[in-house]
Amino acid sequence: MLQDLKVGHILGGTPWKMQVGDIIGVVFAGLVLFFPLYLMHTADVARFPGVGGFGGPNYSAPQAGLMAALSQGIVGGEMAWRW
C-alpha cells in the first residue's frame, strides 16, 4: 500500500481517494479470502483434531522458517552472498 500511495503521489493522485481505494481493496480481499481459509482450517481440524489447522503440520508457516533462516544467516555471518 505504501508503494501505491507513493506512485499515486507521483502521478498526482489525491491522498483521500487513494486511501479510500486502499480501504476498499483491503475489505474486499478480506471478505473474499475469509471463506477459503476458513474452509481449509476447519477441514484440517476435523481431520486431525487437536493438531490440525493453521500452525499445524499440514498448514505450517513456511515464511516464518524462511525469515528465521535468513536472519540467522545474516546475523551469524553465514549467508552465502553471490557477487
Protein backbone atom coordinates (compact mmCIF):
# COMPACT_ATOMS: atom_id res chain seq x y z
CA MET A 1 0.00 0.00 0.00
CA LEU A 2 2.91 2.35 0.62
CA GLN A 3 4.11 1.75 -2.93
CA ASP A 4 0.60 2.50 -4.15
CA LEU A 5 0.47 5.77 -2.24
CA LYS A 6 3.95 6.77 -3.46
CA VAL A 7 3.13 6.12 -7.12
CA GLY A 8 -0.23 7.85 -6.74
CA HIS A 9 1.51 10.90 -5.30
CA ILE A 10 4.00 10.95 -8.18
CA LEU A 11 1.16 10.71 -10.70
CA GLY A 12 -0.81 13.46 -8.97
CA GLY A 13 -3.50 11.45 -7.19
CA THR A 14 -5.15 12.82 -4.09
CA PRO A 15 -4.34 11.02 -0.83
CA TRP A 16 -8.00 10.85 0.17
CA LYS A 17 -9.07 8.96 -2.97
CA MET A 18 -6.06 6.64 -2.82
CA GLN A 19 -6.73 5.79 0.83
CA VAL A 20 -10.40 5.09 0.13
CA GLY A 21 -9.37 2.80 -2.73
CA ASP A 22 -6.89 1.00 -0.48
CA ILE A 23 -9.51 0.52 2.23
CA ILE A 24 -11.99 -0.88 -0.29
CA GLY A 25 -9.32 -3.25 -1.60
CA VAL A 26 -8.38 -4.49 1.86
CA VAL A 27 -12.00 -5.03 2.90
CA PHE A 28 -12.85 -6.83 -0.35
CA ALA A 29 -9.77 -9.06 -0.16
CA GLY A 30 -10.54 -9.87 3.47
CA LEU A 31 -14.11 -10.84 2.63
CA VAL A 32 -13.11 -12.96 -0.35
CA LEU A 33 -10.21 -14.75 1.34
CA PHE A 34 -12.03 -15.44 4.60
CA PHE A 35 -14.14 -18.29 3.23
CA PRO A 36 -11.45 -20.45 1.57
CA LEU A 37 -9.12 -20.00 4.53
CA TYR A 38 -11.91 -20.85 6.98
CA LEU A 39 -12.79 -23.99 5.00
CA MET A 40 -9.15 -25.10 4.85
CA HIS A 41 -8.70 -24.59 8.58
CA THR A 42 -11.92 -26.31 9.69
CA ALA A 43 -11.40 -29.26 7.33
CA ASP A 44 -7.90 -29.84 8.69
CA VAL A 45 -9.08 -29.52 12.30
CA ALA A 46 -11.85 -32.05 11.60
CA ARG A 47 -9.34 -34.45 10.03
CA PHE A 48 -6.65 -34.04 12.70
CA PRO A 49 -8.32 -32.95 15.97
CA GLY A 50 -6.00 -31.22 18.40
CA VAL A 51 -3.13 -30.69 15.97
CA GLY A 52 -4.84 -29.63 12.74
CA GLY A 53 -5.47 -26.20 11.33
CA PHE A 54 -3.17 -23.31 10.67
CA GLY A 55 0.11 -23.65 12.50
CA GLY A 56 -0.16 -27.44 12.49
CA PRO A 57 1.93 -29.88 10.48
CA ASN A 58 -0.18 -29.56 7.30
CA TYR A 59 -0.51 -25.78 7.28
CA SER A 60 2.66 -24.58 8.92
CA ALA A 61 4.01 -21.09 8.29
CA PRO A 62 6.92 -21.54 5.87
CA GLN A 63 7.59 -17.83 5.70
CA ALA A 64 8.40 -17.82 9.42
CA GLY A 65 11.01 -20.54 8.91
CA LEU A 66 12.38 -18.75 5.87
CA MET A 67 12.70 -15.45 7.72
CA ALA A 68 14.36 -17.21 10.67
CA ALA A 69 16.91 -18.84 8.36
CA LEU A 70 17.61 -15.55 6.58
CA SER A 71 18.03 -13.56 9.77
CA GLN A 72 20.26 -16.22 11.35
CA GLY A 73 22.40 -16.30 8.21
CA ILE A 74 22.73 -12.54 8.08
CA VAL A 75 23.37 -12.00 11.79
CA GLY A 76 25.61 -15.06 12.10
CA GLY A 77 27.63 -14.10 9.00
CA GLU A 78 26.95 -17.45 7.31
CA MET A 79 24.80 -16.11 4.46
CA ALA A 80 26.20 -17.03 1.06
CA TRP A 81 26.34 -13.71 -0.79
CA ARG A 82 26.96 -14.07 -4.50
CA TRP A 83 28.53 -11.06 -6.18
